[in-house]
Amino acid sequence: MNDTLIISLASLKEQADLFLADNPTMTIEEAYGKALARMAATQAELFAFDDPFKGLIIAKLEAMGARRRPVRTAMLSVELNGTDTWKLWYHLRALREMGLVRNLGKSGWVLAA
């Protein structure tokens, strides 16, 4: 991984729309500011992991909307190019112990608030 911040405009707009949906009194500028701050913080978290794969899992969960709805392990495996589910479970359990994700049983995984 390099130290370049990569944020797509579509992801930024999606995140800003979520903020606006949660708080209709927020201005568009405030929503985009909060969205940019959250996405930059997420990217910064990726560099804090001892294992880059854990950072990739967090990034994929974020991209798949795991703050709003659970993501099943099988779907996450597909998004990670068919990663072995046992390997994925190992890393997800480690992320759960770090307090970054929660397991909702058969519903799937969500990012911790």
C-alpha atoms as a PDB file:
ATOM      1  CA  MET A   1       0.000   0.000   0.000  1.00  0.00           C
ATOM      2  CA  ASN A   2       1.193   3.501  -0.693  1.00  0.00           C
ATOM      3  CA  ASP A   3       0.502   6.624   1.318  1.00  0.00           C
ATOM      4  CA  THR A   4      -1.769   8.252  -1.278  1.00  0.00           C
ATOM      5  CA  LEU A   5      -5.294   9.177  -0.234  1.00  0.00           C
ATOM      6  CA  ILE A   6      -7.754   7.766  -2.750  1.00  0.00           C
ATOM      7  CA  ILE A   7     -11.381   8.849  -2.512  1.00  0.00           C
ATOM      8  CA  SER A   8     -13.813   8.420  -5.377  1.00  0.00           C
ATOM      9  CA  LEU A   9     -16.329  11.180  -5.999  1.00  0.00           C
ATOM     10  CA  ALA A  10     -19.162   8.649  -6.154  1.00  0.00           C
ATOM     11  CA  SER A  11     -18.257   7.349  -2.686  1.00  0.00           C
ATOM     12  CA  LEU A  12     -17.984  10.893  -1.368  1.00  0.00           C
ATOM     13  CA  LYS A  13     -21.441  11.762  -2.734  1.00  0.00           C
ATOM     14  CA  GLU A  14     -22.930   8.547  -1.316  1.00  0.00           C
ATOM     15  CA  GLN A  15     -21.494   9.287   2.125  1.00  0.00           C
ATOM     16  CA  ALA A  16     -22.716  12.911   1.995  1.00  0.00           C
ATOM     17  CA  ASP A  17     -26.188  11.720   0.975  1.00  0.00           C
ATOM     18  CA  LEU A  18     -26.265   9.443   4.018  1.00  0.00           C
ATOM     19  CA  PHE A  19     -25.426  12.374   6.286  1.00  0.00           C
ATOM     20  CA  LEU A  20     -28.141  14.488   4.653  1.00  0.00           C
ATOM     21  CA  ALA A  21     -30.697  11.679   5.030  1.00  0.00           C
ATOM     22  CA  ASP A  22     -29.872  11.338   8.731  1.00  0.00           C
ATOM     23  CA  ASN A  23     -29.951  15.083   9.367  1.00  0.00           C
ATOM     24  CA  PRO A  24     -32.101  17.088   6.909  1.00  0.00           C
ATOM     25  CA  THR A  25     -31.167  20.401   8.558  1.00  0.00           C
ATOM     26  CA  MET A  26     -27.502  19.910   7.616  1.00  0.00           C
ATOM     27  CA  THR A  27     -26.225  21.977   4.696  1.00  0.00           C
ATOM     28  CA  ILE A  28     -24.711  20.300   1.660  1.00  0.00           C
ATOM     29  CA  GLU A  29     -21.315  21.807   2.507  1.00  0.00           C
ATOM     30  CA  GLU A  30     -21.449  20.390   6.033  1.00  0.00           C
ATOM     31  CA  ALA A  31     -22.474  16.973   4.713  1.00  0.00           C
ATOM     32  CA  TYR A  32     -19.607  16.877   2.227  1.00  0.00           C
ATOM     33  CA  GLY A  33     -17.178  18.076   4.878  1.00  0.00           C
ATOM     34  CA  LYS A  34     -18.235  15.322   7.264  1.00  0.00           C
ATOM     35  CA  ALA A  35     -18.169  12.753   4.459  1.00  0.00           C
ATOM     36  CA  LEU A  36     -14.661  13.758   3.435  1.00  0.00           C
ATOM     37  CA  ALA A  37     -13.475  13.658   7.044  1.00  0.00           C
ATOM     38  CA  ARG A  38     -14.953  10.175   7.570  1.00  0.00           C
ATOM     39  CA  MET A  39     -13.448   8.831   4.366  1.00  0.00           C
ATOM     40  CA  ALA A  40     -10.027  10.291   5.159  1.00  0.00           C
ATOM     41  CA  ALA A  41     -10.179   8.765   8.635  1.00  0.00           C
ATOM     42  CA  THR A  42     -11.093   5.408   7.122  1.00  0.00           C
ATOM     43  CA  GLN A  43      -8.120   5.617   4.787  1.00  0.00           C
ATOM     44  CA  ALA A  44      -5.878   6.553   7.717  1.00  0.00           C
ATOM     45  CA  GLU A  45      -7.126   3.500   9.631  1.00  0.00           C
ATOM     46  CA  LEU A  46      -5.951   1.307   6.771  1.00  0.00           C
ATOM     47  CA  PHE A  47      -2.358   2.255   7.512  1.00  0.00           C
ATOM     48  CA  ALA A  48      -2.706   1.457  11.220  1.00  0.00           C
ATOM     49  CA  PHE A  49      -3.063  -2.300  10.735  1.00  0.00           C
ATOM     50  CA  ASP A  50      -0.199  -4.730  11.153  1.00  0.00           C
ATOM     51  CA  ASP A  51      -1.721  -6.775   8.320  1.00  0.00           C
ATOM     52  CA  PRO A  52      -2.785  -4.930   5.145  1.00  0.00           C
ATOM     53  CA  PHE A  53      -5.507  -7.530   4.507  1.00  0.00           C
ATOM     54  CA  LYS A  54      -7.397  -6.324   7.600  1.00  0.00           C
ATOM     55  CA  GLY A  55      -7.361  -2.812   6.162  1.00  0.00           C
ATOM     56  CA  LEU A  56      -8.649  -4.151   2.867  1.00  0.00           C
ATOM     57  CA  ILE A  57     -11.526  -5.903   4.662  1.00  0.00           C
ATOM     58  CA  ILE A  58     -12.495  -2.661   6.430  1.00  0.00           C
ATOM     59  CA  ALA A  59     -12.340  -0.751   3.128  1.00  0.00           C
ATOM     60  CA  LYS A  60     -14.527  -3.329   1.365  1.00  0.00           C
ATOM     61  CA  LEU A  61     -17.051  -3.330   4.208  1.00  0.00           C
ATOM     62  CA  GLU A  62     -17.189   0.455   4.019  1.00  0.00           C
ATOM     63  CA  ALA A  63     -17.652   0.335   0.240  1.00  0.00           C
ATOM     64  CA  MET A  64     -20.402  -2.295   0.571  1.00  0.00           C
ATOM     65  CA  GLY A  65     -22.359  -0.089   2.965  1.00  0.00           C
ATOM     66  CA  ALA A  66     -21.748  -2.087   6.132  1.00  0.00           C
ATOM     67  CA  ARG A  67     -22.564   0.933   8.311  1.00  0.00           C
ATOM     68  CA  ARG A  68     -26.188   0.693   7.180  1.00  0.00           C
ATOM     69  CA  ARG A  69     -26.777  -3.008   6.533  1.00  0.00           C
ATOM     70  CA  PRO A  70     -24.961  -6.260   7.324  1.00  0.00           C
ATOM     71  CA  VAL A  71     -22.666  -7.860   4.762  1.00  0.00           C
ATOM     72  CA  ARG A  72     -22.532 -11.646   4.640  1.00  0.00           C
ATOM     73  CA  THR A  73     -19.180 -13.396   4.750  1.00  0.00           C
ATOM     74  CA  ALA A  74     -19.806 -15.079   1.374  1.00  0.00           C
ATOM     75  CA  MET A  75     -20.487 -11.744  -0.317  1.00  0.00           C
ATOM     76  CA  LEU A  76     -17.393 -10.226   1.247  1.00  0.00           C
ATOM     77  CA  SER A  77     -15.389 -13.204   0.007  1.00  0.00           C
ATOM     78  CA  VAL A  78     -16.624 -12.573  -3.543  1.00  0.00           C
ATOM     79  CA  GLU A  79     -15.719  -8.873  -3.267  1.00  0.00           C
ATOM     80  CA  LEU A  80     -12.226  -9.892  -2.146  1.00  0.00           C
ATOM     81  CA  ASN A  81     -11.694 -11.975  -5.291  1.00  0.00           C
ATOM     82  CA  GLY A  82     -12.803 -15.285  -3.831  1.00  0.00           C
ATOM     83  CA  THR A  83     -10.754 -15.152  -0.648  1.00  0.00           C
ATOM     84  CA  ASP A  84     -11.002 -18.362   1.340  1.00  0.00           C
ATOM     85  CA  THR A  85     -13.808 -17.974   3.900  1.00  0.00           C
ATOM     86  CA  TRP A  86     -11.712 -19.482   6.694  1.00  0.00           C
ATOM     87  CA  LYS A  87      -9.011 -16.873   6.118  1.00  0.00           C
ATOM     88  CA  LEU A  88     -11.693 -14.207   6.034  1.00  0.00           C
ATOM     89  CA  TRP A  89     -13.263 -15.464   9.280  1.00  0.00           C
ATOM     90  CA  TYR A  90      -9.861 -15.402  10.975  1.00  0.00           C
ATOM     91  CA  HIS A  91      -9.339 -11.744  10.078  1.00  0.00           C
ATOM     92  CA  LEU A  92     -12.940 -10.749  10.823  1.00  0.00           C
ATOM     93  CA  ARG A  93     -12.680 -12.259  14.311  1.00  0.00           C
ATOM     94  CA  ALA A  94      -9.463 -10.288  14.871  1.00  0.00           C
ATOM     95  CA  LEU A  95     -11.205  -7.102  13.707  1.00  0.00           C
ATOM     96  CA  ARG A  96     -14.121  -7.894  16.036  1.00  0.00           C
ATOM     97  CA  GLU A  97     -11.691  -8.205  18.954  1.00  0.00           C
ATOM     98  CA  MET A  98     -10.229  -4.823  17.961  1.00  0.00           C
ATOM     99  CA  GLY A  99     -13.756  -3.375  18.157  1.00  0.00           C
ATOM    100  CA  LEU A 100     -13.903  -2.382  14.490  1.00  0.00           C
ATOM    101  CA  VAL A 101     -16.629  -4.779  13.289  1.00  0.00           C
ATOM    102  CA  ARG A 102     -19.596  -6.577  14.811  1.00  0.00           C
ATOM    103  CA  ASN A 103     -21.029  -9.946  13.875  1.00  0.00           C
ATOM    104  CA  LEU A 104     -24.824 -10.071  13.616  1.00  0.00           C
ATOM    105  CA  GLY A 105     -24.942 -13.835  13.232  1.00  0.00           C
ATOM    106  CA  LYS A 106     -26.452 -15.072   9.979  1.00  0.00           C
ATOM    107  CA  SER A 107     -27.233 -11.491   8.949  1.00  0.00           C
ATOM    108  CA  GLY A 108     -23.552 -10.760   8.482  1.00  0.00           C
ATOM    109  CA  TRP A 109     -20.981  -8.196   9.540  1.00  0.00           C
ATOM    110  CA  VAL A 110     -21.311  -4.461  10.147  1.00  0.00           C
ATOM    111  CA  LEU A 111     -18.737  -1.792  10.895  1.00  0.00           C
ATOM    112  CA  ALA A 112     -18.732  -0.753  14.527  1.00  0.00           C
ATOM    113  CA  ALA A 113     -20.007   2.757  15.158  1.00  0.00           C
END
